C-alpha cells in the first residue's frame, strides 16, 4: 500500500491521499486503509476526521474494528469528544460495541467487560 510507504517516510499528505483512494475506490483493503488513516489522524489530533472515517468503516463497510472504536467514542466520550455522551450516544455506542464483539473484535469485548463490571 502506497499510503504505508508514505506514512513510514513521514509524508503524511501523500499517505492520507493514498489511504483515501483505497477507501473510496477499493475494491478491497478499505478496512486496512481505515485503520491506517485513523492512526495518521490520531497523530495529527484530527478528532472529527477520525469520527468521520470510523463512521464510514462501521456503517458502510461493516468493519468490526471501526464499529468497536466508534462504539467506544460514542459510549465514553460522545460525538463531540467532550466526555459527556448523551443517552442516545451511549445507546448507539453500546449497540456498536455489541455488534463488533459479536464479530470477534477483541477491543470491543474488553470495553464491554469494563462497562458490565
PDB file of N, CA and C in Angstrom:
ATOM      1  N   UNK A   1       0.836  -1.173   0.000  1.00  0.00           N
ATOM      2  CA  UNK A   1       0.000   0.000   0.000  1.00  0.00           C
ATOM      3  C   UNK A   1       0.884   1.241   0.000  1.00  0.00           C
ATOM      4  N   UNK A   2       0.658   2.112  -0.940  1.00  0.00           N
ATOM      5  CA  UNK A   2       1.453   3.335  -1.033  1.00  0.00           C
ATOM      6  C   UNK A   2       1.271   4.235   0.186  1.00  0.00           C
ATOM      7  N   UNK A   3       0.092   4.215   0.776  1.00  0.00           N
ATOM      8  CA  UNK A   3      -0.143   5.010   1.973  1.00  0.00           C
ATOM      9  C   UNK A   3       0.835   4.650   3.079  1.00  0.00           C
ATOM     10  N   UNK A   4       1.069   3.353   3.278  1.00  0.00           N
ATOM     11  CA  UNK A   4       2.005   2.911   4.317  1.00  0.00           C
ATOM     12  C   UNK A   4       3.430   3.349   3.994  1.00  0.00           C
ATOM     13  N   UNK A   5       3.801   3.254   2.733  1.00  0.00           N
ATOM     14  CA  UNK A   5       5.133   3.693   2.324  1.00  0.00           C
ATOM     15  C   UNK A   5       5.339   5.165   2.670  1.00  0.00           C
ATOM     16  N   UNK A   6       4.371   5.990   2.307  1.00  0.00           N
ATOM     17  CA  UNK A   6       4.488   7.422   2.584  1.00  0.00           C
ATOM     18  C   UNK A   6       4.383   7.734   4.080  1.00  0.00           C
ATOM     19  N   UNK A   7       3.594   6.960   4.801  1.00  0.00           N
ATOM     20  CA  UNK A   7       3.494   7.156   6.247  1.00  0.00           C
ATOM     21  C   UNK A   7       4.848   6.884   6.884  1.00  0.00           C
ATOM     22  N   UNK A   8       5.522   5.807   6.454  1.00  0.00           N
ATOM     23  CA  UNK A   8       6.839   5.471   7.004  1.00  0.00           C
ATOM     24  C   UNK A   8       7.885   6.528   6.673  1.00  0.00           C
ATOM     25  N   UNK A   9       7.667   7.254   5.595  1.00  0.00           N
ATOM     26  CA  UNK A   9       8.589   8.323   5.198  1.00  0.00           C
ATOM     27  C   UNK A   9       8.170   9.672   5.784  1.00  0.00           C
ATOM     28  N   UNK A  10       7.139   9.663   6.606  1.00  0.00           N
ATOM     29  CA  UNK A  10       6.617  10.882   7.236  1.00  0.00           C
ATOM     30  C   UNK A  10       6.060  11.879   6.224  1.00  0.00           C
ATOM     31  N   UNK A  11       5.607  11.385   5.095  1.00  0.00           N
ATOM     32  CA  UNK A  11       4.961  12.217   4.079  1.00  0.00           C
ATOM     33  C   UNK A  11       3.454  12.054   4.263  1.00  0.00           C
ATOM     34  N   UNK A  12       2.943  12.735   5.285  1.00  0.00           N
ATOM     35  CA  UNK A  12       1.572  12.491   5.724  1.00  0.00           C
ATOM     36  C   UNK A  12       0.525  12.915   4.705  1.00  0.00           C
ATOM     37  N   UNK A  13       0.773  13.971   3.951  1.00  0.00           N
ATOM     38  CA  UNK A  13      -0.197  14.386   2.935  1.00  0.00           C
ATOM     39  C   UNK A  13      -0.373  13.305   1.878  1.00  0.00           C
ATOM     40  N   UNK A  14       0.735  12.731   1.437  1.00  0.00           N
ATOM     41  CA  UNK A  14       0.659  11.664   0.439  1.00  0.00           C
ATOM     42  C   UNK A  14       0.065  10.394   1.036  1.00  0.00           C
ATOM     43  N   UNK A  15       0.414  10.093   2.284  1.00  0.00           N
ATOM     44  CA  UNK A  15      -0.161   8.915   2.939  1.00  0.00           C
ATOM     45  C   UNK A  15      -1.678   9.047   3.008  1.00  0.00           C
ATOM     46  N   UNK A  16      -2.142  10.214   3.444  1.00  0.00           N
ATOM     47  CA  UNK A  16      -3.587  10.439   3.523  1.00  0.00           C
ATOM     48  C   UNK A  16      -4.236  10.279   2.157  1.00  0.00           C
ATOM     49  N   UNK A  17      -3.615  10.834   1.153  1.00  0.00           N
ATOM     50  CA  UNK A  17      -4.169  10.753  -0.203  1.00  0.00           C
ATOM     51  C   UNK A  17      -4.372   9.294  -0.637  1.00  0.00           C
ATOM     52  N   UNK A  18      -3.366   8.465  -0.415  1.00  0.00           N
ATOM     53  CA  UNK A  18      -3.472   7.075  -0.864  1.00  0.00           C
ATOM     54  C   UNK A  18      -4.369   6.234   0.029  1.00  0.00           C
ATOM     55  N   UNK A  19      -4.428   6.541   1.306  1.00  0.00           N
ATOM     56  CA  UNK A  19      -5.400   5.849   2.162  1.00  0.00           C
ATOM     57  C   UNK A  19      -6.821   6.174   1.707  1.00  0.00           C
ATOM     58  N   UNK A  20      -7.080   7.438   1.428  1.00  0.00           N
ATOM     59  CA  UNK A  20      -8.422   7.834   0.976  1.00  0.00           C
ATOM     60  C   UNK A  20      -8.758   7.216  -0.372  1.00  0.00           C
ATOM     61  N   UNK A  21      -7.771   7.123  -1.249  1.00  0.00           N
ATOM     62  CA  UNK A  21      -8.009   6.456  -2.539  1.00  0.00           C
ATOM     63  C   UNK A  21      -8.415   5.001  -2.310  1.00  0.00           C
ATOM     64  N   UNK A  22      -7.726   4.321  -1.404  1.00  0.00           N
ATOM     65  CA  UNK A  22      -8.064   2.925  -1.113  1.00  0.00           C
ATOM     66  C   UNK A  22      -9.464   2.809  -0.515  1.00  0.00           C
ATOM     67  N   UNK A  23      -9.806   3.731   0.379  1.00  0.00           N
ATOM     68  CA  UNK A  23     -11.130   3.700   0.999  1.00  0.00           C
ATOM     69  C   UNK A  23     -12.210   3.981  -0.038  1.00  0.00           C
ATOM     70  N   UNK A  24     -11.992   4.964  -0.879  1.00  0.00           N
ATOM     71  CA  UNK A  24     -13.020   5.389  -1.827  1.00  0.00           C
ATOM     72  C   UNK A  24     -13.164   4.476  -3.031  1.00  0.00           C
ATOM     73  N   UNK A  25     -12.070   3.829  -3.443  1.00  0.00           N
ATOM     74  CA  UNK A  25     -12.103   3.106  -4.708  1.00  0.00           C
ATOM     75  C   UNK A  25     -11.976   1.602  -4.597  1.00  0.00           C
ATOM     76  N   UNK A  26     -11.573   1.101  -3.429  1.00  0.00           N
ATOM     77  CA  UNK A  26     -11.477  -0.344  -3.266  1.00  0.00           C
ATOM     78  C   UNK A  26     -10.672  -1.015  -4.369  1.00  0.00           C
ATOM     79  N   UNK A  27     -11.026  -2.165  -4.835  1.00  0.00           N
ATOM     80  CA  UNK A  27     -12.215  -2.947  -4.484  1.00  0.00           C
ATOM     81  C   UNK A  27     -12.080  -3.687  -3.169  1.00  0.00           C
ATOM     82  N   UNK A  28     -10.883  -3.709  -2.599  1.00  0.00           N
ATOM     83  CA  UNK A  28     -10.708  -4.313  -1.289  1.00  0.00           C
ATOM     84  C   UNK A  28      -9.658  -3.501  -0.543  1.00  0.00           C
ATOM     85  N   UNK A  29      -9.496  -3.797   0.725  1.00  0.00           N
ATOM     86  CA  UNK A  29      -8.499  -3.100   1.523  1.00  0.00           C
ATOM     87  C   UNK A  29      -9.021  -1.869   2.241  1.00  0.00           C
ATOM     88  N   UNK A  30     -10.330  -1.613   2.138  1.00  0.00           N
ATOM     89  CA  UNK A  30     -10.874  -0.427   2.798  1.00  0.00           C
ATOM     90  C   UNK A  30     -10.656  -0.470   4.303  1.00  0.00           C
ATOM     91  N   UNK A  31     -10.890  -1.603   4.924  1.00  0.00           N
ATOM     92  CA  UNK A  31     -10.756  -1.697   6.376  1.00  0.00           C
ATOM     93  C   UNK A  31      -9.323  -1.404   6.811  1.00  0.00           C
ATOM     94  N   UNK A  32      -8.354  -1.969   6.116  1.00  0.00           N
ATOM     95  CA  UNK A  32      -6.952  -1.696   6.454  1.00  0.00           C
ATOM     96  C   UNK A  32      -6.629  -0.224   6.277  1.00  0.00           C
ATOM     97  N   UNK A  33      -7.111   0.370   5.200  1.00  0.00           N
ATOM     98  CA  UNK A  33      -6.859   1.793   4.960  1.00  0.00           C
ATOM     99  C   UNK A  33      -7.516   2.649   6.043  1.00  0.00           C
ATOM    100  N   UNK A  34      -8.699   2.247   6.492  1.00  0.00           N
ATOM    101  CA  UNK A  34      -9.373   2.983   7.572  1.00  0.00           C
ATOM    102  C   UNK A  34      -8.551   2.901   8.851  1.00  0.00           C
ATOM    103  N   UNK A  35      -8.062   1.719   9.191  1.00  0.00           N
ATOM    104  CA  UNK A  35      -7.240   1.570  10.392  1.00  0.00           C
ATOM    105  C   UNK A  35      -6.018   2.480  10.304  1.00  0.00           C
ATOM    106  N   UNK A  36      -5.383   2.481   9.147  1.00  0.00           N
ATOM    107  CA  UNK A  36      -4.164   3.269   8.978  1.00  0.00           C
ATOM    108  C   UNK A  36      -4.421   4.770   9.012  1.00  0.00           C
ATOM    109  N   UNK A  37      -5.505   5.200   8.385  1.00  0.00           N
ATOM    110  CA  UNK A  37      -5.768   6.645   8.372  1.00  0.00           C
ATOM    111  C   UNK A  37      -6.200   7.128   9.756  1.00  0.00           C
ATOM    112  N   UNK A  38      -6.816   6.259  10.551  1.00  0.00           N
ATOM    113  CA  UNK A  38      -7.151   6.630  11.932  1.00  0.00           C
ATOM    114  C   UNK A  38      -5.859   6.875  12.716  1.00  0.00           C
ATOM    115  N   UNK A  39      -4.852   6.045  12.499  1.00  0.00           N
ATOM    116  CA  UNK A  39      -3.554   6.259  13.151  1.00  0.00           C
ATOM    117  C   UNK A  39      -2.966   7.601  12.715  1.00  0.00           C
ATOM    118  N   UNK A  40      -3.005   7.858  11.415  1.00  0.00           N
ATOM    119  CA  UNK A  40      -2.489   9.127  10.888  1.00  0.00           C
ATOM    120  C   UNK A  40      -3.222  10.316  11.501  1.00  0.00           C
ATOM    121  N   UNK A  41      -4.546  10.268  11.487  1.00  0.00           N
ATOM    122  CA  UNK A  41      -5.337  11.361  12.042  1.00  0.00           C
ATOM    123  C   UNK A  41      -5.109  11.517  13.545  1.00  0.00           C
ATOM    124  N   UNK A  42      -4.887  10.400  14.250  1.00  0.00           N
ATOM    125  CA  UNK A  42      -4.624  10.470  15.691  1.00  0.00           C
ATOM    126  C   UNK A  42      -3.339  11.237  15.970  1.00  0.00           C
ATOM    127  N   UNK A  43      -2.332  10.990  15.158  1.00  0.00           N
ATOM    128  CA  UNK A  43      -1.055  11.693  15.331  1.00  0.00           C
ATOM    129  C   UNK A  43      -1.207  13.193  15.082  1.00  0.00           C
ATOM    130  N   UNK A  44      -2.228  13.559  14.315  1.00  0.00           N
ATOM    131  CA  UNK A  44      -2.458  14.959  13.973  1.00  0.00           C
ATOM    132  C   UNK A  44      -3.582  15.585  14.803  1.00  0.00           C
ATOM    133  N   UNK A  45      -4.112  14.843  15.770  1.00  0.00           N
ATOM    134  CA  UNK A  45      -5.220  15.312  16.615  1.00  0.00           C
ATOM    135  C   UNK A  45      -6.431  15.763  15.798  1.00  0.00           C
ATOM    136  N   UNK A  46      -6.724  15.058  14.736  1.00  0.00           N
ATOM    137  CA  UNK A  46      -7.861  15.388  13.871  1.00  0.00           C
ATOM    138  C   UNK A  46      -9.069  14.539  14.286  1.00  0.00           C
ATOM    139  N   UNK A  47      -9.629  14.890  15.431  1.00  0.00           N
ATOM    140  CA  UNK A  47     -10.665  14.071  16.051  1.00  0.00           C
ATOM    141  C   UNK A  47     -11.909  13.924  15.192  1.00  0.00           C
ATOM    142  N   UNK A  48     -12.370  15.001  14.599  1.00  0.00           N
ATOM    143  CA  UNK A  48     -13.598  14.909  13.802  1.00  0.00           C
ATOM    144  C   UNK A  48     -13.368  14.101  12.519  1.00  0.00           C
ATOM    145  N   UNK A  49     -12.155  14.137  11.991  1.00  0.00           N
ATOM    146  CA  UNK A  49     -11.832  13.295  10.831  1.00  0.00           C
ATOM    147  C   UNK A  49     -11.810  11.822  11.233  1.00  0.00           C
ATOM    148  N   UNK A  50     -11.303  11.543  12.437  1.00  0.00           N
ATOM    149  CA  UNK A  50     -11.333  10.173  12.948  1.00  0.00           C
ATOM    150  C   UNK A  50     -12.776   9.690  13.034  1.00  0.00           C
ATOM    151  N   UNK A  51     -13.629  10.519  13.600  1.00  0.00           N
ATOM    152  CA  UNK A  51     -15.034  10.164  13.747  1.00  0.00           C
ATOM    153  C   UNK A  51     -15.660   9.880  12.382  1.00  0.00           C
ATOM    154  N   UNK A  52     -15.387  10.716  11.424  1.00  0.00           N
ATOM    155  CA  UNK A  52     -15.947  10.559  10.084  1.00  0.00           C
ATOM    156  C   UNK A  52     -15.512   9.248   9.429  1.00  0.00           C
ATOM    157  N   UNK A  53     -14.237   8.943   9.493  1.00  0.00           N
ATOM    158  CA  UNK A  53     -13.747   7.738   8.835  1.00  0.00           C
ATOM    159  C   UNK A  53     -14.200   6.479   9.584  1.00  0.00           C
ATOM    160  N   UNK A  54     -14.302   6.559  10.903  1.00  0.00           N
ATOM    161  CA  UNK A  54     -14.816   5.410  11.653  1.00  0.00           C
ATOM    162  C   UNK A  54     -16.290   5.148  11.332  1.00  0.00           C
ATOM    163  N   UNK A  55     -17.060   6.204  11.159  1.00  0.00           N
ATOM    164  CA  UNK A  55     -18.472   6.026  10.758  1.00  0.00           C
ATOM    165  C   UNK A  55     -18.554   5.302   9.429  1.00  0.00           C
ATOM    166  N   UNK A  56     -17.708   5.715   8.516  1.00  0.00           N
ATOM    167  CA  UNK A  56     -17.712   5.073   7.196  1.00  0.00           C
ATOM    168  C   UNK A  56     -17.336   3.596   7.315  1.00  0.00           C
ATOM    169  N   UNK A  57     -16.328   3.310   8.108  1.00  0.00           N
ATOM    170  CA  UNK A  57     -15.937   1.916   8.307  1.00  0.00           C
ATOM    171  C   UNK A  57     -17.016   1.098   8.986  1.00  0.00           C
ATOM    172  N   UNK A  58     -17.638   1.686  10.004  1.00  0.00           N
ATOM    173  CA  UNK A  58     -18.648   0.964  10.779  1.00  0.00           C
ATOM    174  C   UNK A  58     -19.927   0.731   9.993  1.00  0.00           C
ATOM    175  N   UNK A  59     -20.401   1.769   9.316  1.00  0.00           N
ATOM    176  CA  UNK A  59     -21.714   1.684   8.678  1.00  0.00           C
ATOM    177  C   UNK A  59     -21.663   1.295   7.208  1.00  0.00           C
ATOM    178  N   UNK A  60     -20.654   1.749   6.481  1.00  0.00           N
ATOM    179  CA  UNK A  60     -20.584   1.442   5.048  1.00  0.00           C
ATOM    180  C   UNK A  60     -19.924   0.093   4.793  1.00  0.00           C
ATOM    181  N   UNK A  61     -18.816  -0.173   5.499  1.00  0.00           N
ATOM    182  CA  UNK A  61     -18.056  -1.395   5.242  1.00  0.00           C
ATOM    183  C   UNK A  61     -18.275  -2.471   6.301  1.00  0.00           C
ATOM    184  N   UNK A  62     -19.081  -2.175   7.315  1.00  0.00           N
ATOM    185  CA  UNK A  62     -19.396  -3.154   8.360  1.00  0.00           C
ATOM    186  C   UNK A  62     -18.129  -3.733   8.990  1.00  0.00           C
ATOM    187  N   UNK A  63     -17.149  -2.874   9.212  1.00  0.00           N
ATOM    188  CA  UNK A  63     -15.854  -3.276   9.761  1.00  0.00           C
ATOM    189  C   UNK A  63     -15.941  -3.362  11.281  1.00  0.00           C
ATOM    190  N   UNK A  64     -15.730  -4.545  11.857  1.00  0.00           N
ATOM    191  CA  UNK A  64     -15.849  -4.701  13.314  1.00  0.00           C
ATOM    192  C   UNK A  64     -14.904  -3.790  14.104  1.00  0.00           C
ATOM    193  N   UNK A  65     -13.672  -3.608  13.642  1.00  0.00           N
ATOM    194  CA  UNK A  65     -12.749  -2.733  14.360  1.00  0.00           C
ATOM    195  C   UNK A  65     -13.285  -1.304  14.399  1.00  0.00           C
ATOM    196  N   UNK A  66     -13.774  -0.814  13.269  1.00  0.00           N
ATOM    197  CA  UNK A  66     -14.355   0.535  13.220  1.00  0.00           C
ATOM    198  C   UNK A  66     -15.571   0.631  14.132  1.00  0.00           C
ATOM    199  N   UNK A  67     -16.394  -0.408  14.128  1.00  0.00           N
ATOM    200  CA  UNK A  67     -17.571  -0.423  14.996  1.00  0.00           C
ATOM    201  C   UNK A  67     -17.157  -0.345  16.462  1.00  0.00           C
ATOM    202  N   UNK A  68     -16.140  -1.102  16.830  1.00  0.00           N
ATOM    203  CA  UNK A  68     -15.682  -1.096  18.214  1.00  0.00           C
ATOM    204  C   UNK A  68     -15.102   0.243  18.634  1.00  0.00           C
ATOM    205  N   UNK A  69     -14.286   0.832  17.776  1.00  0.00           N
ATOM    206  CA  UNK A  69     -13.682   2.121  18.104  1.00  0.00           C
ATOM    207  C   UNK A  69     -14.731   3.231  18.161  1.00  0.00           C
ATOM    208  N   UNK A  70     -15.646   3.225  17.194  1.00  0.00           N
ATOM    209  CA  UNK A  70     -16.710   4.220  17.182  1.00  0.00           C
ATOM    210  C   UNK A  70     -17.631   4.025  18.385  1.00  0.00           C
ATOM    211  N   UNK A  71     -17.913   2.772  18.704  1.00  0.00           N
ATOM    212  CA  UNK A  71     -18.729   2.483  19.878  1.00  0.00           C
ATOM    213  C   UNK A  71     -18.097   3.007  21.150  1.00  0.00           C
ATOM    214  N   UNK A  72     -16.791   2.827  21.284  1.00  0.00           N
ATOM    215  CA  UNK A  72     -16.077   3.350  22.436  1.00  0.00           C
ATOM    216  C   UNK A  72     -16.201   4.869  22.511  1.00  0.00           C
ATOM    217  N   UNK A  73     -15.963   5.535  21.388  1.00  0.00           N
ATOM    218  CA  UNK A  73     -16.054   7.002  21.359  1.00  0.00           C
ATOM    219  C   UNK A  73     -17.445   7.458  21.768  1.00  0.00           C
ATOM    220  N   UNK A  74     -18.467   6.873  21.155  1.00  0.00           N
ATOM    221  CA  UNK A  74     -19.831   7.279  21.481  1.00  0.00           C
ATOM    222  C   UNK A  74     -20.159   7.015  22.942  1.00  0.00           C
ATOM    223  N   UNK A  75     -19.797   5.835  23.429  1.00  0.00           N
ATOM    224  CA  UNK A  75     -20.190   5.452  24.779  1.00  0.00           C
ATOM    225  C   UNK A  75     -19.466   6.270  25.849  1.00  0.00           C
ATOM    226  N   UNK A  76     -18.184   6.468  25.685  1.00  0.00           N
ATOM    227  CA  UNK A  76     -17.395   7.119  26.728  1.00  0.00           C
ATOM    228  C   UNK A  76     -17.171   8.614  26.516  1.00  0.00           C
ATOM    229  N   UNK A  77     -17.036   9.039  25.267  1.00  0.00           N
ATOM    230  CA  UNK A  77     -16.638  10.425  25.001  1.00  0.00           C
ATOM    231  C   UNK A  77     -17.742  11.283  24.405  1.00  0.00           C
ATOM    232  N   UNK A  78     -18.632  10.683  23.648  1.00  0.00           N
ATOM    233  CA  UNK A  78     -19.653  11.433  22.924  1.00  0.00           C
ATOM    234  C   UNK A  78     -19.128  11.885  21.570  1.00  0.00           C
ATOM    235  N   UNK A  79     -20.029  12.237  20.693  1.00  0.00           N
ATOM    236  CA  UNK A  79     -19.657  12.562  19.322  1.00  0.00           C
ATOM    237  C   UNK A  79     -18.893  13.878  19.197  1.00  0.00           C
ATOM    238  N   UNK A  80     -18.862  14.662  20.266  1.00  0.00           N
ATOM    239  CA  UNK A  80     -18.079  15.896  20.241  1.00  0.00           C
ATOM    240  C   UNK A  80     -16.825  15.785  21.105  1.00  0.00           C
ATOM    241  N   UNK A  81     -16.528  14.565  21.562  1.00  0.00           N
ATOM    242  CA  UNK A  81     -15.332  14.293  22.362  1.00  0.00           C
ATOM    243  C   UNK A  81     -15.274  15.148  23.633  1.00  0.00           C
ATOM    244  N   UNK A  82     -16.435  15.398  24.228  1.00  0.00           N
ATOM    245  CA  UNK A  82     -16.488  16.260  25.417  1.00  0.00           C
ATOM    246  C   UNK A  82     -16.610  15.465  26.718  1.00  0.00           C
ATOM    247  N   UNK A  83     -16.464  14.144  26.644  1.00  0.00           N
ATOM    248  CA  UNK A  83     -16.590  13.259  27.814  1.00  0.00           C
ATOM    249  C   UNK A  83     -17.961  13.346  28.476  1.00  0.00           C
ATOM    250  N   UNK A  84     -18.974  13.720  27.694  1.00  0.00           N
ATOM    251  CA  UNK A  84     -20.328  13.843  28.213  1.00  0.00           C
ATOM    252  C   UNK A  84     -21.323  13.332  27.170  1.00  0.00           C
ATOM    253  N   UNK A  85     -21.297  12.015  26.912  1.00  0.00           N
ATOM    254  CA  UNK A  85     -22.181  11.481  25.885  1.00  0.00           C
ATOM    255  C   UNK A  85     -23.653  11.573  26.279  1.00  0.00           C
ATOM    256  N   UNK A  86     -24.490  11.789  25.289  1.00  0.00           N
ATOM    257  CA  UNK A  86     -25.931  11.790  25.518  1.00  0.00           C
ATOM    258  C   UNK A  86     -26.405  10.349  25.710  1.00  0.00           C
ATOM    259  N   UNK A  87     -27.618  10.186  26.178  1.00  0.00           N
ATOM    260  CA  UNK A  87     -28.152   8.828  26.338  1.00  0.00           C
ATOM    261  C   UNK A  87     -28.253   8.123  24.988  1.00  0.00           C
ATOM    262  N   UNK A  88     -28.572   8.865  23.926  1.00  0.00           N
ATOM    263  CA  UNK A  88     -28.624   8.265  22.583  1.00  0.00           C
ATOM    264  C   UNK A  88     -27.241   7.824  22.121  1.00  0.00           C
ATOM    265  N   UNK A  89     -26.222   8.634  22.418  1.00  0.00           N
ATOM    266  CA  UNK A  89     -24.858   8.256  22.036  1.00  0.00           C
ATOM    267  C   UNK A  89     -24.410   7.014  22.797  1.00  0.00           C
ATOM    268  N   UNK A  90     -24.739   6.956  24.077  1.00  0.00           N
ATOM    269  CA  UNK A  90     -24.382   5.772  24.870  1.00  0.00           C
ATOM    270  C   UNK A  90     -25.087   4.531  24.330  1.00  0.00           C
ATOM    271  N   UNK A  91     -26.343   4.683  23.958  1.00  0.00           N
ATOM    272  CA  UNK A  91     -27.109   3.563  23.410  1.00  0.00           C
ATOM    273  C   UNK A  91     -26.509   3.107  22.080  1.00  0.00           C
ATOM    274  N   UNK A  92     -26.192   4.053  21.200  1.00  0.00           N
ATOM    275  CA  UNK A  92     -25.587   3.717  19.909  1.00  0.00           C
ATOM    276  C   UNK A  92     -24.200   3.114  20.111  1.00  0.00           C
ATOM    277  N   UNK A  93     -23.442   3.673  21.048  1.00  0.00           N
ATOM    278  CA  UNK A  93     -22.122   3.133  21.348  1.00  0.00           C
ATOM    279  C   UNK A  93     -22.187   1.696  21.815  1.00  0.00           C
ATOM    280  N   UNK A  94     -23.118   1.410  22.695  1.00  0.00           N
ATOM    281  CA  UNK A  94     -23.283   0.053  23.199  1.00  0.00           C
ATOM    282  C   UNK A  94     -23.701  -0.898  22.080  1.00  0.00           C
ATOM    283  N   UNK A  95     -24.589  -0.452  21.209  1.00  0.00           N
ATOM    284  CA  UNK A  95     -25.015  -1.286  20.074  1.00  0.00           C
ATOM    285  C   UNK A  95     -23.836  -1.598  19.156  1.00  0.00           C
ATOM    286  N   UNK A  96     -23.019  -0.589  18.883  1.00  0.00           N
ATOM    287  CA  UNK A  96     -21.845  -0.806  18.025  1.00  0.00           C
ATOM    288  C   UNK A  96     -20.840  -1.737  18.691  1.00  0.00           C
ATOM    289  N   UNK A  97     -20.624  -1.563  19.990  1.00  0.00           N
ATOM    290  CA  UNK A  97     -19.704  -2.447  20.699  1.00  0.00           C
ATOM    291  C   UNK A  97     -20.194  -3.886  20.681  1.00  0.00           C
ATOM    292  N   UNK A  98     -21.483  -4.087  20.873  1.00  0.00           N
ATOM    293  CA  UNK A  98     -22.044  -5.443  20.826  1.00  0.00           C
ATOM    294  C   UNK A  98     -21.908  -6.052  19.443  1.00  0.00           C
ATOM    295  N   UNK A  99     -22.141  -5.262  18.413  1.00  0.00           N
ATOM    296  CA  UNK A  99     -22.010  -5.755  17.037  1.00  0.00           C
ATOM    297  C   UNK A  99     -20.561  -6.141  16.748  1.00  0.00           C
ATOM    298  N   UNK A 100     -19.628  -5.289  17.168  1.00  0.00           N
ATOM    299  CA  UNK A 100     -18.209  -5.582  16.952  1.00  0.00           C
ATOM    300  C   UNK A 100     -17.783  -6.824  17.729  1.00  0.00           C
ATOM    301  N   UNK A 101     -18.233  -6.923  18.965  1.00  0.00           N
ATOM    302  CA  UNK A 101     -17.887  -8.077  19.794  1.00  0.00           C
ATOM    303  C   UNK A 101     -18.435  -9.368  19.192  1.00  0.00           C
ATOM    304  N   UNK A 102     -19.639  -9.304  18.650  1.00  0.00           N
ATOM    305  CA  UNK A 102     -20.240 -10.483  18.017  1.00  0.00           C
ATOM    306  C   UNK A 102     -19.427 -10.944  16.807  1.00  0.00           C
ATOM    307  N   UNK A 103     -18.682 -10.016  16.211  1.00  0.00           N
ATOM    308  CA  UNK A 103     -17.816 -10.355  15.076  1.00  0.00           C
ATOM    309  C   UNK A 103     -16.408 -10.731  15.535  1.00  0.00           C
ATOM    310  N   UNK A 104     -16.184 -10.729  16.851  1.00  0.00           N
ATOM    311  CA  UNK A 104     -14.913 -11.172  17.396  1.00  0.00           C
ATOM    312  C   UNK A 104     -13.893 -10.083  17.666  1.00  0.00           C
ATOM    313  N   UNK A 105     -14.287  -8.814  17.605  1.00  0.00           N
ATOM    314  CA  UNK A 105     -13.340  -7.736  17.874  1.00  0.00           C
ATOM    315  C   UNK A 105     -12.949  -7.745  19.349  1.00  0.00           C
ATOM    316  N   UNK A 106     -11.668  -7.970  19.614  1.00  0.00           N
ATOM    317  CA  UNK A 106     -11.184  -8.117  20.986  1.00  0.00           C
ATOM    318  C   UNK A 106     -11.285  -6.826  21.791  1.00  0.00           C
ATOM    319  N   UNK A 107     -11.040  -5.694  21.157  1.00  0.00           N
ATOM    320  CA  UNK A 107     -11.158  -4.418  21.867  1.00  0.00           C
ATOM    321  C   UNK A 107     -12.590  -4.199  22.340  1.00  0.00           C
ATOM    322  N   UNK A 108     -13.540  -4.487  21.464  1.00  0.00           N
ATOM    323  CA  UNK A 108     -14.954  -4.321  21.827  1.00  0.00           C
ATOM    324  C   UNK A 108     -15.315  -5.244  22.989  1.00  0.00           C
ATOM    325  N   UNK A 109     -14.823  -6.474  22.951  1.00  0.00           N
ATOM    326  CA  UNK A 109     -15.083  -7.401  24.058  1.00  0.00           C
ATOM    327  C   UNK A 109     -14.526  -6.842  25.369  1.00  0.00           C
ATOM    328  N   UNK A 110     -13.335  -6.286  25.306  1.00  0.00           N
ATOM    329  CA  UNK A 110     -12.722  -5.686  26.500  1.00  0.00           C
ATOM    330  C   UNK A 110     -13.557  -4.508  27.012  1.00  0.00           C
ATOM    331  N   UNK A 111     -13.953  -3.624  26.105  1.00  0.00           N
ATOM    332  CA  UNK A 111     -14.762  -2.458  26.517  1.00  0.00           C
ATOM    333  C   UNK A 111     -16.070  -2.891  27.140  1.00  0.00           C
ATOM    334  N   UNK A 112     -16.712  -3.909  26.574  1.00  0.00           N
ATOM    335  CA  UNK A 112     -17.971  -4.407  27.135  1.00  0.00           C
ATOM    336  C   UNK A 112     -17.770  -5.008  28.523  1.00  0.00           C
ATOM    337  N   UNK A 113     -16.664  -5.676  28.739  1.00  0.00           N
ATOM    338  CA  UNK A 113     -16.363  -6.217  30.070  1.00  0.00           C
ATOM    339  C   UNK A 113     -16.231  -5.072  31.074  1.00  0.00           C
ATOM    340  N   UNK A 114     -15.582  -3.994  30.664  1.00  0.00           N
ATOM    341  CA  UNK A 114     -15.435  -2.839  31.555  1.00  0.00           C
ATOM    342  C   UNK A 114     -16.782  -2.185  31.858  1.00  0.00           C
ATOM    343  N   UNK A 115     -17.623  -2.097  30.850  1.00  0.00           N
ATOM    344  CA  UNK A 115     -18.943  -1.490  31.025  1.00  0.00           C
ATOM    345  C   UNK A 115     -19.796  -2.325  31.976  1.00  0.00           C
ATOM    346  N   UNK A 116     -19.680  -3.649  31.863  1.00  0.00           N
ATOM    347  CA  UNK A 116     -20.538  -4.551  32.632  1.00  0.00           C
ATOM    348  C   UNK A 116     -20.002  -4.887  34.017  1.00  0.00           C
ATOM    349  N   UNK A 117     -18.924  -4.244  34.435  1.00  0.00           N
ATOM    350  CA  UNK A 117     -18.380  -4.502  35.797  1.00  0.00           C
ATOM    351  C   UNK A 117     -19.332  -3.990  36.852  1.00  0.00           C
TER     352      UNK A 117
END
